[in-house]
Amino acid sequence: MRWRLVAIPASLVPIAVIAVQFDIGADDVLAVGAGGYALAIGAMGAKLAIQGAKFAYIARAYIPSPGSLASLMGVRVGSEFIKFTTPMFVGAEVAVIYWLHKRGVPASRASWVAIMDIVTEVIAAGAISIVAGVIALAAGAFALAALILGTSVTITGAWAALFFLSSRRVFGVPRALARAASAVGGARAEKYVGQANAWMGGVCAMSREHMGSAHARRVFGVSLAASLASWAMYGVSFAAITAGLAHAVGALDSIMAVMAANAVGNLPITVGGSGIVELGVAAYLDAVGAAGWAALGEALEWSSVIGWRVATYYVPIAVTWVLLARFALSRYKRVEPG
């Protein structure tokens, strides 16, 4: 995980540019107040805790004796470190699949649990982001709305389609890609393609086995509700950072702005969406004329944005790294496949 030595400093560059551009110093950022930081960190902590509890719920629904609640929540929250320190689309599911497989869970079952987790996460985030995009459209921010809706609908639609279609057909490495890999890598590439096809076939078999059952629908519904709650907690974190200021951003405006920015931040451009997310929050609040936002004044607006990023990105990076290292290096007890 040596990439973190480069990724974290790289993520600071856009914030430094914003600070220089708008003449924001350390005193300005501290003007947000300890109370605002505490509330924002608390909201982010609640978001991560709900994510961890949801993963534990899904794992226990499909895996016999997957581990303690603390270990399941810990590895899921810790896995967010990967998402924080890589360009988006390289996510936490890789870590949880690896962790479950190391404990003796078949790769297809571990992947099913991780996919159920990530799909409910994506659909919930996408639904809120689409609402935010519609609000931006109604406010006349056509370019911003197009960016939010284009990103949200594409990502949400692709994940949902692949998930629900996996019970009806078997996915595999596209033939053209398989032929190209074989031409370049020979027998070794063919071996890896075969392994990838076997893995995807196993996941699709899990989908056919479980997708239509009442149990799966219940697990999906509960997980989707938990995802909506976790994203709502993330959304109110910006309102929390402004709570101690003379003018606070409302909870609904905060949720819409944060989730709109989160959608745009999913574009694999910068590490953890750094820079894009900050600009996205400010652009959205400007576009919809959020109550309390313009009244803050430019200095406090950008101080709030930077302070929010510290509370919801840099503090969690430290926490998730500790948890990821703890569970990646800890001993594990293999479980019997079920």
C-alpha atoms as a PDB file:
ATOM      1  CA  MET A   1       0.000   0.000   0.000  1.00  0.00           C
ATOM      2  CA  ARG A   2       2.869   2.324  -0.697  1.00  0.00           C
ATOM      3  CA  TRP A   3       0.628   4.259  -3.075  1.00  0.00           C
ATOM      4  CA  ARG A   4      -0.737   6.104  -0.024  1.00  0.00           C
ATOM      5  CA  LEU A   5       2.616   7.889   0.337  1.00  0.00           C
ATOM      6  CA  VAL A   6       1.925   9.557  -3.015  1.00  0.00           C
ATOM      7  CA  ALA A   7      -1.891   9.550  -3.094  1.00  0.00           C
ATOM      8  CA  ILE A   8      -2.530  11.505   0.090  1.00  0.00           C
ATOM      9  CA  PRO A   9      -0.096  14.384  -0.672  1.00  0.00           C
ATOM     10  CA  ALA A  10      -1.449  14.439  -4.241  1.00  0.00           C
ATOM     11  CA  SER A  11      -4.977  14.909  -2.926  1.00  0.00           C
ATOM     12  CA  LEU A  12      -3.820  18.051  -1.085  1.00  0.00           C
ATOM     13  CA  VAL A  13      -2.784  19.823  -4.286  1.00  0.00           C
ATOM     14  CA  PRO A  14      -6.317  20.864  -5.392  1.00  0.00           C
ATOM     15  CA  ILE A  15      -7.085  22.142  -1.886  1.00  0.00           C
ATOM     16  CA  ALA A  16      -3.873  24.163  -1.875  1.00  0.00           C
ATOM     17  CA  VAL A  17      -4.826  25.659  -5.237  1.00  0.00           C
ATOM     18  CA  ILE A  18      -8.282  26.602  -3.921  1.00  0.00           C
ATOM     19  CA  ALA A  19      -6.744  28.145  -0.778  1.00  0.00           C
ATOM     20  CA  VAL A  20      -4.319  30.234  -2.831  1.00  0.00           C
ATOM     21  CA  GLN A  21      -6.959  31.247  -5.384  1.00  0.00           C
ATOM     22  CA  PHE A  22      -9.368  32.539  -2.738  1.00  0.00           C
ATOM     23  CA  ASP A  23      -6.735  33.684  -0.227  1.00  0.00           C
ATOM     24  CA  ILE A  24      -7.822  31.190   2.452  1.00  0.00           C
ATOM     25  CA  GLY A  25      -5.408  30.792   5.354  1.00  0.00           C
ATOM     26  CA  ALA A  26      -5.274  28.482   8.356  1.00  0.00           C
ATOM     27  CA  ASP A  27      -7.071  31.074  10.508  1.00  0.00           C
ATOM     28  CA  ASP A  28      -9.968  31.116   8.049  1.00  0.00           C
ATOM     29  CA  VAL A  29     -10.316  27.339   8.148  1.00  0.00           C
ATOM     30  CA  LEU A  30     -10.150  27.319  11.944  1.00  0.00           C
ATOM     31  CA  ALA A  31     -12.880  29.984  12.038  1.00  0.00           C
ATOM     32  CA  VAL A  32     -15.370  27.218  11.330  1.00  0.00           C
ATOM     33  CA  GLY A  33     -15.007  26.281  14.984  1.00  0.00           C
ATOM     34  CA  ALA A  34     -14.392  23.098  16.939  1.00  0.00           C
ATOM     35  CA  GLY A  35     -18.120  22.447  17.244  1.00  0.00           C
ATOM     36  CA  GLY A  36     -18.600  22.380  13.478  1.00  0.00           C
ATOM     37  CA  TYR A  37     -15.686  20.011  13.005  1.00  0.00           C
ATOM     38  CA  ALA A  38     -16.947  17.717  15.763  1.00  0.00           C
ATOM     39  CA  LEU A  39     -20.436  17.550  14.255  1.00  0.00           C
ATOM     40  CA  ALA A  40     -19.114  16.912  10.742  1.00  0.00           C
ATOM     41  CA  ILE A  41     -16.733  14.205  11.928  1.00  0.00           C
ATOM     42  CA  GLY A  42     -19.597  12.671  13.901  1.00  0.00           C
ATOM     43  CA  ALA A  43     -21.837  12.635  10.812  1.00  0.00           C
ATOM     44  CA  MET A  44     -19.079  11.012   8.771  1.00  0.00           C
ATOM     45  CA  GLY A  45     -18.479   8.485  11.533  1.00  0.00           C
ATOM     46  CA  ALA A  46     -22.171   7.602  11.514  1.00  0.00           C
ATOM     47  CA  LYS A  47     -22.022   7.148   7.752  1.00  0.00           C
ATOM     48  CA  LEU A  48     -19.118   4.718   8.011  1.00  0.00           C
ATOM     49  CA  ALA A  49     -20.697   2.852  10.932  1.00  0.00           C
ATOM     50  CA  ILE A  50     -23.924   2.309   8.976  1.00  0.00           C
ATOM     51  CA  GLN A  51     -21.882   1.055   6.017  1.00  0.00           C
ATOM     52  CA  GLY A  52     -20.057  -1.378   8.262  1.00  0.00           C
ATOM     53  CA  ALA A  53     -23.262  -2.626   9.891  1.00  0.00           C
ATOM     54  CA  LYS A  54     -24.884  -3.090   6.471  1.00  0.00           C
ATOM     55  CA  PHE A  55     -21.967  -5.175   5.235  1.00  0.00           C
ATOM     56  CA  ALA A  56     -22.125  -7.317   8.367  1.00  0.00           C
ATOM     57  CA  TYR A  57     -25.858  -7.835   7.798  1.00  0.00           C
ATOM     58  CA  ILE A  58     -25.349  -8.940   4.178  1.00  0.00           C
ATOM     59  CA  ALA A  59     -22.408 -11.192   5.057  1.00  0.00           C
ATOM     60  CA  ARG A  60     -24.355 -12.930   7.815  1.00  0.00           C
ATOM     61  CA  ALA A  61     -27.298 -13.407   5.452  1.00  0.00           C
ATOM     62  CA  TYR A  62     -25.220 -15.463   2.993  1.00  0.00           C
ATOM     63  CA  ILE A  63     -22.191 -16.807   4.852  1.00  0.00           C
ATOM     64  CA  PRO A  64     -22.299 -19.172   7.831  1.00  0.00           C
ATOM     65  CA  SER A  65     -20.134 -17.826  10.675  1.00  0.00           C
ATOM     66  CA  PRO A  66     -18.477 -15.043   8.653  1.00  0.00           C
ATOM     67  CA  GLY A  67     -16.880 -13.467  11.733  1.00  0.00           C
ATOM     68  CA  SER A  68     -17.761 -11.217  14.629  1.00  0.00           C
ATOM     69  CA  LEU A  69     -19.775  -8.046  14.133  1.00  0.00           C
ATOM     70  CA  ALA A  70     -16.714  -5.993  15.116  1.00  0.00           C
ATOM     71  CA  SER A  71     -14.475  -7.702  12.565  1.00  0.00           C
ATOM     72  CA  LEU A  72     -17.032  -7.429   9.750  1.00  0.00           C
ATOM     73  CA  MET A  73     -17.666  -3.767  10.455  1.00  0.00           C
ATOM     74  CA  GLY A  74     -13.969  -3.094  10.923  1.00  0.00           C
ATOM     75  CA  VAL A  75     -12.875  -4.602   7.623  1.00  0.00           C
ATOM     76  CA  ARG A  76     -15.671  -2.854   5.723  1.00  0.00           C
ATOM     77  CA  VAL A  77     -14.926   0.560   7.214  1.00  0.00           C
ATOM     78  CA  GLY A  78     -11.196  -0.041   6.781  1.00  0.00           C
ATOM     79  CA  SER A  79     -11.701  -0.925   3.127  1.00  0.00           C
ATOM     80  CA  GLU A  80     -12.880   2.642   2.482  1.00  0.00           C
ATOM     81  CA  PHE A  81      -9.211   3.642   2.692  1.00  0.00           C
ATOM     82  CA  ILE A  82      -8.752   2.173  -0.777  1.00  0.00           C
ATOM     83  CA  LYS A  83     -11.557   4.305  -2.175  1.00  0.00           C
ATOM     84  CA  PHE A  84     -10.193   7.397  -0.433  1.00  0.00           C
ATOM     85  CA  THR A  85      -6.709   7.001  -1.899  1.00  0.00           C
ATOM     86  CA  THR A  86      -7.317   5.899  -5.478  1.00  0.00           C
ATOM     87  CA  PRO A  87      -9.111   7.394  -8.470  1.00  0.00           C
ATOM     88  CA  MET A  88     -12.767   6.481  -8.233  1.00  0.00           C
ATOM     89  CA  PHE A  89     -14.083   3.114  -9.467  1.00  0.00           C
ATOM     90  CA  VAL A  90     -11.279   1.336  -7.609  1.00  0.00           C
ATOM     91  CA  GLY A  91     -13.282   0.609  -4.514  1.00  0.00           C
ATOM     92  CA  ALA A  92     -13.634  -1.087  -1.217  1.00  0.00           C
ATOM     93  CA  GLU A  93     -15.117  -4.270  -2.654  1.00  0.00           C
ATOM     94  CA  VAL A  94     -11.637  -5.528  -3.576  1.00  0.00           C
ATOM     95  CA  ALA A  95     -10.536  -5.535   0.061  1.00  0.00           C
ATOM     96  CA  VAL A  96     -13.635  -7.226   1.463  1.00  0.00           C
ATOM     97  CA  ILE A  97     -13.586  -9.952  -1.199  1.00  0.00           C
ATOM     98  CA  TYR A  98      -9.929 -10.600  -0.406  1.00  0.00           C
ATOM     99  CA  TRP A  99     -10.610 -10.675   3.347  1.00  0.00           C
ATOM    100  CA  LEU A 100     -13.566 -13.045   3.054  1.00  0.00           C
ATOM    101  CA  HIS A 101     -11.718 -15.335   0.647  1.00  0.00           C
ATOM    102  CA  LYS A 102      -8.740 -15.527   3.013  1.00  0.00           C
ATOM    103  CA  ARG A 103     -11.153 -16.747   5.669  1.00  0.00           C
ATOM    104  CA  GLY A 104     -12.149 -19.648   3.441  1.00  0.00           C
ATOM    105  CA  VAL A 105     -15.249 -18.169   1.817  1.00  0.00           C
ATOM    106  CA  PRO A 106     -15.516 -19.227  -1.851  1.00  0.00           C
ATOM    107  CA  ALA A 107     -14.646 -16.378  -4.204  1.00  0.00           C
ATOM    108  CA  SER A 108     -18.071 -16.421  -5.840  1.00  0.00           C
ATOM    109  CA  ARG A 109     -19.898 -16.147  -2.502  1.00  0.00           C
ATOM    110  CA  ALA A 110     -17.521 -13.455  -1.213  1.00  0.00           C
ATOM    111  CA  SER A 111     -18.041 -11.540  -4.456  1.00  0.00           C
ATOM    112  CA  TRP A 112     -21.827 -11.867  -4.198  1.00  0.00           C
ATOM    113  CA  VAL A 113     -21.753 -10.322  -0.722  1.00  0.00           C
ATOM    114  CA  ALA A 114     -19.474  -7.504  -1.889  1.00  0.00           C
ATOM    115  CA  ILE A 115     -21.546  -6.880  -5.009  1.00  0.00           C
ATOM    116  CA  MET A 116     -24.806  -6.746  -3.011  1.00  0.00           C
ATOM    117  CA  ASP A 117     -23.083  -4.213  -0.753  1.00  0.00           C
ATOM    118  CA  ILE A 118     -21.763  -2.017  -3.553  1.00  0.00           C
ATOM    119  CA  VAL A 119     -24.889  -2.191  -5.734  1.00  0.00           C
ATOM    120  CA  THR A 120     -27.163  -0.972  -2.932  1.00  0.00           C
ATOM    121  CA  GLU A 121     -24.591   1.723  -2.222  1.00  0.00           C
ATOM    122  CA  VAL A 122     -24.518   2.856  -5.853  1.00  0.00           C
ATOM    123  CA  ILE A 123     -28.295   2.786  -6.339  1.00  0.00           C
ATOM    124  CA  ALA A 124     -28.929   4.765  -3.144  1.00  0.00           C
ATOM    125  CA  ALA A 125     -26.275   7.365  -3.979  1.00  0.00           C
ATOM    126  CA  GLY A 126     -27.466   7.539  -7.570  1.00  0.00           C
ATOM    127  CA  ALA A 127     -31.086   8.100  -6.559  1.00  0.00           C
ATOM    128  CA  ILE A 128     -30.188  11.038  -4.304  1.00  0.00           C
ATOM    129  CA  SER A 129     -27.804  12.473  -6.896  1.00  0.00           C
ATOM    130  CA  ILE A 130     -30.473  12.280  -9.598  1.00  0.00           C
ATOM    131  CA  VAL A 131     -32.851  14.256  -7.366  1.00  0.00           C
ATOM    132  CA  ALA A 132     -30.065  16.817  -6.868  1.00  0.00           C
ATOM    133  CA  GLY A 133     -29.570  16.994 -10.632  1.00  0.00           C
ATOM    134  CA  VAL A 134     -33.276  17.583 -11.216  1.00  0.00           C
ATOM    135  CA  ILE A 135     -33.244  20.408  -8.648  1.00  0.00           C
ATOM    136  CA  ALA A 136     -30.240  21.972 -10.406  1.00  0.00           C
ATOM    137  CA  LEU A 137     -32.069  21.655 -13.717  1.00  0.00           C
ATOM    138  CA  ALA A 138     -35.140  23.387 -12.286  1.00  0.00           C
ATOM    139  CA  ALA A 139     -32.879  26.173 -10.994  1.00  0.00           C
ATOM    140  CA  GLY A 140     -31.605  26.772 -14.523  1.00  0.00           C
ATOM    141  CA  ALA A 141     -28.091  25.368 -13.957  1.00  0.00           C
ATOM    142  CA  PHE A 142     -28.267  23.346 -17.162  1.00  0.00           C
ATOM    143  CA  ALA A 143     -24.562  22.513 -17.583  1.00  0.00           C
ATOM    144  CA  LEU A 144     -24.181  21.457 -13.945  1.00  0.00           C
ATOM    145  CA  ALA A 145     -27.418  19.449 -14.077  1.00  0.00           C
ATOM    146  CA  ALA A 146     -26.297  17.693 -17.251  1.00  0.00           C
ATOM    147  CA  LEU A 147     -23.003  16.713 -15.616  1.00  0.00           C
ATOM    148  CA  ILE A 148     -24.689  15.441 -12.439  1.00  0.00           C
ATOM    149  CA  LEU A 149     -27.464  13.569 -14.248  1.00  0.00           C
ATOM    150  CA  GLY A 150     -25.195  12.190 -16.945  1.00  0.00           C
ATOM    151  CA  THR A 151     -22.778  10.760 -14.377  1.00  0.00           C
ATOM    152  CA  SER A 152     -25.443   9.517 -11.960  1.00  0.00           C
ATOM    153  CA  VAL A 153     -27.725   7.882 -14.513  1.00  0.00           C
ATOM    154  CA  THR A 154     -24.837   6.209 -16.339  1.00  0.00           C
ATOM    155  CA  ILE A 155     -23.149   4.774 -13.247  1.00  0.00           C
ATOM    156  CA  THR A 156     -26.364   3.778 -11.477  1.00  0.00           C
ATOM    157  CA  GLY A 157     -27.880   2.275 -14.603  1.00  0.00           C
ATOM    158  CA  ALA A 158     -24.779   0.265 -15.456  1.00  0.00           C
ATOM    159  CA  TRP A 159     -24.385  -1.235 -11.974  1.00  0.00           C
ATOM    160  CA  ALA A 160     -28.103  -1.985 -11.607  1.00  0.00           C
ATOM    161  CA  ALA A 161     -28.353  -3.563 -15.071  1.00  0.00           C
ATOM    162  CA  LEU A 162     -25.330  -5.806 -14.545  1.00  0.00           C
ATOM    163  CA  PHE A 163     -26.567  -6.857 -11.102  1.00  0.00           C
ATOM    164  CA  PHE A 164     -30.109  -7.741 -12.109  1.00  0.00           C
ATOM    165  CA  LEU A 165     -29.132  -9.276 -15.460  1.00  0.00           C
ATOM    166  CA  SER A 166     -26.566 -11.532 -13.775  1.00  0.00           C
ATOM    167  CA  SER A 167     -29.376 -13.889 -12.751  1.00  0.00           C
ATOM    168  CA  ARG A 168     -30.499 -14.264 -16.377  1.00  0.00           C
ATOM    169  CA  ARG A 169     -27.221 -14.716 -18.213  1.00  0.00           C
ATOM    170  CA  VAL A 170     -23.604 -15.606 -17.614  1.00  0.00           C
ATOM    171  CA  PHE A 171     -21.130 -12.776 -18.061  1.00  0.00           C
ATOM    172  CA  GLY A 172     -17.547 -13.334 -19.087  1.00  0.00           C
ATOM    173  CA  VAL A 173     -14.526 -11.599 -20.528  1.00  0.00           C
ATOM    174  CA  PRO A 174     -15.522 -10.196 -23.959  1.00  0.00           C
ATOM    175  CA  ARG A 175     -14.232 -12.425 -26.757  1.00  0.00           C
ATOM    176  CA  ALA A 176     -12.344  -9.627 -28.485  1.00  0.00           C
ATOM    177  CA  LEU A 177     -10.558  -8.762 -25.240  1.00  0.00           C
ATOM    178  CA  ALA A 178      -9.846 -12.440 -24.536  1.00  0.00           C
ATOM    179  CA  ARG A 179      -8.336 -12.899 -28.011  1.00  0.00           C
ATOM    180  CA  ALA A 180      -6.220  -9.765 -27.630  1.00  0.00           C
ATOM    181  CA  ALA A 181      -4.973 -10.922 -24.206  1.00  0.00           C
ATOM    182  CA  SER A 182      -4.132 -14.353 -25.607  1.00  0.00           C
ATOM    183  CA  ALA A 183      -2.243 -12.823 -28.514  1.00  0.00           C
ATOM    184  CA  VAL A 184      -0.163 -10.672 -26.185  1.00  0.00           C
ATOM    185  CA  GLY A 185       0.219 -12.912 -23.127  1.00  0.00           C
ATOM    186  CA  GLY A 186      -0.054 -16.407 -24.557  1.00  0.00           C
ATOM    187  CA  ALA A 187      -0.883 -19.315 -22.262  1.00  0.00           C
ATOM    188  CA  ARG A 188      -0.570 -17.263 -19.080  1.00  0.00           C
ATOM    189  CA  ALA A 189      -3.106 -14.726 -20.332  1.00  0.00           C
ATOM    190  CA  GLU A 190      -5.466 -17.545 -21.350  1.00  0.00           C
ATOM    191  CA  LYS A 191      -5.176 -18.942 -17.827  1.00  0.00           C
ATOM    192  CA  TYR A 192      -6.127 -15.593 -16.270  1.00  0.00           C
ATOM    193  CA  VAL A 193      -9.018 -15.144 -18.698  1.00  0.00           C
ATOM    194  CA  GLY A 194     -10.243 -18.612 -17.779  1.00  0.00           C
ATOM    195  CA  GLN A 195     -10.020 -17.785 -14.074  1.00  0.00           C
ATOM    196  CA  ALA A 196     -11.912 -14.520 -14.621  1.00  0.00           C
ATOM    197  CA  ASN A 197     -14.635 -16.326 -16.560  1.00  0.00           C
ATOM    198  CA  ALA A 198     -14.914 -18.982 -13.845  1.00  0.00           C
ATOM    199  CA  TRP A 199     -15.226 -16.276 -11.183  1.00  0.00           C
ATOM    200  CA  MET A 200     -17.903 -14.368 -13.105  1.00  0.00           C
ATOM    201  CA  GLY A 201     -19.719 -17.608 -13.809  1.00  0.00           C
ATOM    202  CA  GLY A 202     -19.744 -18.383 -10.097  1.00  0.00           C
ATOM    203  CA  VAL A 203     -21.147 -14.951  -9.263  1.00  0.00           C
ATOM    204  CA  CYS A 204     -23.876 -15.345 -11.885  1.00  0.00           C
ATOM    205  CA  ALA A 205     -24.704 -18.771 -10.455  1.00  0.00           C
ATOM    206  CA  MET A 206     -25.113 -17.154  -7.032  1.00  0.00           C
ATOM    207  CA  SER A 207     -27.438 -14.609  -8.623  1.00  0.00           C
ATOM    208  CA  ARG A 208     -29.587 -17.310 -10.203  1.00  0.00           C
ATOM    209  CA  GLU A 209     -29.717 -19.174  -6.904  1.00  0.00           C
ATOM    210  CA  HIS A 210     -30.685 -16.218  -4.716  1.00  0.00           C
ATOM    211  CA  MET A 211     -32.033 -13.329  -6.770  1.00  0.00           C
ATOM    212  CA  GLY A 212     -35.662 -14.355  -6.983  1.00  0.00           C
ATOM    213  CA  SER A 213     -36.065 -15.468  -3.375  1.00  0.00           C
ATOM    214  CA  ALA A 214     -37.982 -13.560  -0.707  1.00  0.00           C
ATOM    215  CA  HIS A 215     -34.853 -13.725   1.451  1.00  0.00           C
ATOM    216  CA  ALA A 216     -32.761 -11.941  -1.186  1.00  0.00           C
ATOM    217  CA  ARG A 217     -35.432  -9.291  -1.711  1.00  0.00           C
ATOM    218  CA  ARG A 218     -35.571  -8.650   2.030  1.00  0.00           C
ATOM    219  CA  VAL A 219     -31.779  -8.411   2.320  1.00  0.00           C
ATOM    220  CA  PHE A 220     -31.661  -6.091  -0.691  1.00  0.00           C
ATOM    221  CA  GLY A 221     -34.428  -3.870   0.687  1.00  0.00           C
ATOM    222  CA  VAL A 222     -32.876  -3.554   4.142  1.00  0.00           C
ATOM    223  CA  SER A 223     -29.447  -2.896   2.608  1.00  0.00           C
ATOM    224  CA  LEU A 224     -30.823  -0.245   0.272  1.00  0.00           C
ATOM    225  CA  ALA A 225     -32.518   1.518   3.201  1.00  0.00           C
ATOM    226  CA  ALA A 226     -29.259   1.398   5.167  1.00  0.00           C
ATOM    227  CA  SER A 227     -27.394   2.849   2.186  1.00  0.00           C
ATOM    228  CA  LEU A 228     -29.868   5.715   1.912  1.00  0.00           C
ATOM    229  CA  ALA A 229     -29.367   6.423   5.624  1.00  0.00           C
ATOM    230  CA  SER A 230     -25.570   6.327   5.327  1.00  0.00           C
ATOM    231  CA  TRP A 231     -25.550   8.709   2.361  1.00  0.00           C
ATOM    232  CA  ALA A 232     -27.946  11.034   4.173  1.00  0.00           C
ATOM    233  CA  MET A 233     -25.499  11.198   7.091  1.00  0.00           C
ATOM    234  CA  TYR A 234     -22.703  12.011   4.665  1.00  0.00           C
ATOM    235  CA  GLY A 235     -24.899  14.652   3.078  1.00  0.00           C
ATOM    236  CA  VAL A 236     -25.708  16.490   6.307  1.00  0.00           C
ATOM    237  CA  SER A 237     -21.994  16.672   7.166  1.00  0.00           C
ATOM    238  CA  PHE A 238     -21.688  19.947   5.258  1.00  0.00           C
ATOM    239  CA  ALA A 239     -24.608  21.459   7.150  1.00  0.00           C
ATOM    240  CA  ALA A 240     -22.845  20.298  10.318  1.00  0.00           C
ATOM    241  CA  ILE A 241     -19.608  22.106   9.456  1.00  0.00           C
ATOM    242  CA  THR A 242     -21.550  25.379   9.080  1.00  0.00           C
ATOM    243  CA  ALA A 243     -23.711  24.857  12.183  1.00  0.00           C
ATOM    244  CA  GLY A 244     -21.623  27.153  14.382  1.00  0.00           C
ATOM    245  CA  LEU A 245     -21.430  30.010  11.890  1.00  0.00           C
ATOM    246  CA  ALA A 246     -23.690  33.024  11.713  1.00  0.00           C
ATOM    247  CA  HIS A 247     -25.413  31.543   8.673  1.00  0.00           C
ATOM    248  CA  ALA A 248     -25.810  27.773   8.330  1.00  0.00           C
ATOM    249  CA  VAL A 249     -26.606  25.744   5.225  1.00  0.00           C
ATOM    250  CA  GLY A 250     -29.829  23.750   5.611  1.00  0.00           C
ATOM    251  CA  ALA A 251     -29.803  19.962   5.870  1.00  0.00           C
ATOM    252  CA  LEU A 252     -31.641  19.386   2.573  1.00  0.00           C
ATOM    253  CA  ASP A 253     -29.430  21.808   0.629  1.00  0.00           C
ATOM    254  CA  SER A 254     -26.407  20.148   2.236  1.00  0.00           C
ATOM    255  CA  ILE A 255     -27.489  16.640   1.242  1.00  0.00           C
ATOM    256  CA  MET A 256     -28.224  17.683  -2.335  1.00  0.00           C
ATOM    257  CA  ALA A 257     -24.938  19.584  -2.712  1.00  0.00           C
ATOM    258  CA  VAL A 258     -22.768  16.850  -1.211  1.00  0.00           C
ATOM    259  CA  MET A 259     -24.407  14.076  -3.225  1.00  0.00           C
ATOM    260  CA  ALA A 260     -24.275  16.094  -6.435  1.00  0.00           C
ATOM    261  CA  ALA A 261     -20.563  16.656  -5.835  1.00  0.00           C
ATOM    262  CA  ASN A 262     -20.133  12.980  -4.940  1.00  0.00           C
ATOM    263  CA  ALA A 263     -21.632  11.993  -8.295  1.00  0.00           C
ATOM    264  CA  VAL A 264     -19.224  14.215 -10.216  1.00  0.00           C
ATOM    265  CA  GLY A 265     -16.363  13.049  -7.970  1.00  0.00           C
ATOM    266  CA  ASN A 266     -16.974   9.495  -9.200  1.00  0.00           C
ATOM    267  CA  LEU A 267     -15.311  10.456 -12.455  1.00  0.00           C
ATOM    268  CA  PRO A 268     -11.858   8.809 -12.343  1.00  0.00           C
ATOM    269  CA  ILE A 269      -9.910  12.045 -12.659  1.00  0.00           C
ATOM    270  CA  THR A 270      -8.285  12.746  -9.293  1.00  0.00           C
ATOM    271  CA  VAL A 271      -7.405  10.804  -6.152  1.00  0.00           C
ATOM    272  CA  GLY A 272     -10.602  10.396  -4.128  1.00  0.00           C
ATOM    273  CA  GLY A 273     -12.283  13.084  -6.234  1.00  0.00           C
ATOM    274  CA  SER A 274     -10.077  15.709  -4.582  1.00  0.00           C
ATOM    275  CA  GLY A 275     -10.700  19.176  -5.959  1.00  0.00           C
ATOM    276  CA  ILE A 276     -13.700  18.071  -7.988  1.00  0.00           C
ATOM    277  CA  VAL A 277     -15.819  17.400  -4.909  1.00  0.00           C
ATOM    278  CA  GLU A 278     -14.947  20.717  -3.260  1.00  0.00           C
ATOM    279  CA  LEU A 279     -15.717  22.698  -6.396  1.00  0.00           C
ATOM    280  CA  GLY A 280     -18.869  20.639  -6.923  1.00  0.00           C
ATOM    281  CA  VAL A 281     -20.300  21.511  -3.501  1.00  0.00           C
ATOM    282  CA  ALA A 282     -19.664  25.232  -3.974  1.00  0.00           C
ATOM    283  CA  ALA A 283     -20.954  25.243  -7.564  1.00  0.00           C
ATOM    284  CA  TYR A 284     -24.153  23.446  -6.585  1.00  0.00           C
ATOM    285  CA  LEU A 285     -24.935  25.726  -3.643  1.00  0.00           C
ATOM    286  CA  ASP A 286     -24.268  28.758  -5.838  1.00  0.00           C
ATOM    287  CA  ALA A 287     -26.446  27.393  -8.634  1.00  0.00           C
ATOM    288  CA  VAL A 288     -29.522  26.597  -6.535  1.00  0.00           C
ATOM    289  CA  GLY A 289     -29.211  29.717  -4.359  1.00  0.00           C
ATOM    290  CA  ALA A 290     -29.075  27.739  -1.118  1.00  0.00           C
ATOM    291  CA  ALA A 291     -30.310  29.667   1.910  1.00  0.00           C
ATOM    292  CA  GLY A 292     -27.467  30.686   4.167  1.00  0.00           C
ATOM    293  CA  TRP A 293     -24.736  29.943   1.610  1.00  0.00           C
ATOM    294  CA  ALA A 294     -24.368  33.324  -0.073  1.00  0.00           C
ATOM    295  CA  ALA A 295     -24.751  35.074   3.286  1.00  0.00           C
ATOM    296  CA  LEU A 296     -21.537  33.433   4.513  1.00  0.00           C
ATOM    297  CA  GLY A 297     -19.375  35.496   2.167  1.00  0.00           C
ATOM    298  CA  GLU A 298     -16.624  34.148  -0.057  1.00  0.00           C
ATOM    299  CA  ALA A 299     -14.020  33.639   2.688  1.00  0.00           C
ATOM    300  CA  LEU A 300     -16.309  31.612   4.942  1.00  0.00           C
ATOM    301  CA  GLU A 301     -17.781  29.734   1.972  1.00  0.00           C
ATOM    302  CA  TRP A 302     -14.417  28.344   0.970  1.00  0.00           C
ATOM    303  CA  SER A 303     -13.257  27.938   4.562  1.00  0.00           C
ATOM    304  CA  SER A 304     -16.346  25.791   5.134  1.00  0.00           C
ATOM    305  CA  VAL A 305     -15.657  23.723   2.030  1.00  0.00           C
ATOM    306  CA  ILE A 306     -12.037  23.090   3.025  1.00  0.00           C
ATOM    307  CA  GLY A 307     -13.007  22.401   6.641  1.00  0.00           C
ATOM    308  CA  TRP A 308     -15.689  19.970   5.473  1.00  0.00           C
ATOM    309  CA  ARG A 309     -13.147  18.144   3.332  1.00  0.00           C
ATOM    310  CA  VAL A 310     -10.766  17.848   6.279  1.00  0.00           C
ATOM    311  CA  ALA A 311     -13.519  16.447   8.507  1.00  0.00           C
ATOM    312  CA  THR A 312     -14.982  14.006   5.981  1.00  0.00           C
ATOM    313  CA  TYR A 313     -11.877  12.952   4.051  1.00  0.00           C
ATOM    314  CA  TYR A 314      -8.586  13.444   5.863  1.00  0.00           C
ATOM    315  CA  VAL A 315      -9.763  12.423   9.340  1.00  0.00           C
ATOM    316  CA  PRO A 316     -11.456   9.255   7.977  1.00  0.00           C
ATOM    317  CA  ILE A 317      -8.321   8.406   5.984  1.00  0.00           C
ATOM    318  CA  ALA A 318      -6.405   8.008   9.246  1.00  0.00           C
ATOM    319  CA  VAL A 319      -9.169   5.942  10.874  1.00  0.00           C
ATOM    320  CA  THR A 320      -9.746   3.675   7.877  1.00  0.00           C
ATOM    321  CA  TRP A 321      -6.026   3.075   7.404  1.00  0.00           C
ATOM    322  CA  VAL A 322      -5.694   1.867  11.004  1.00  0.00           C
ATOM    323  CA  LEU A 323      -8.678  -0.461  10.578  1.00  0.00           C
ATOM    324  CA  LEU A 324      -7.522  -1.788   7.219  1.00  0.00           C
ATOM    325  CA  ALA A 325      -4.038  -2.508   8.557  1.00  0.00           C
ATOM    326  CA  ARG A 326      -5.510  -4.126  11.677  1.00  0.00           C
ATOM    327  CA  PHE A 327      -7.706  -6.549   9.755  1.00  0.00           C
ATOM    328  CA  ALA A 328      -5.348  -7.106   6.841  1.00  0.00           C
ATOM    329  CA  LEU A 329      -2.594  -8.193   9.216  1.00  0.00           C
ATOM    330  CA  SER A 330      -4.659 -10.014  11.824  1.00  0.00           C
ATOM    331  CA  ARG A 331      -4.998 -13.757  12.016  1.00  0.00           C
ATOM    332  CA  TYR A 332      -8.144 -15.267  10.637  1.00  0.00           C
ATOM    333  CA  LYS A 333     -10.170 -18.382  11.215  1.00  0.00           C
ATOM    334  CA  ARG A 334     -11.296 -20.165   8.092  1.00  0.00           C
ATOM    335  CA  VAL A 335     -14.983 -20.901   7.768  1.00  0.00           C
ATOM    336  CA  GLU A 336     -16.553 -23.839   6.033  1.00  0.00           C
ATOM    337  CA  PRO A 337     -18.123 -23.012   2.678  1.00  0.00           C
ATOM    338  CA  GLY A 338     -21.911 -23.024   2.819  1.00  0.00           C
END
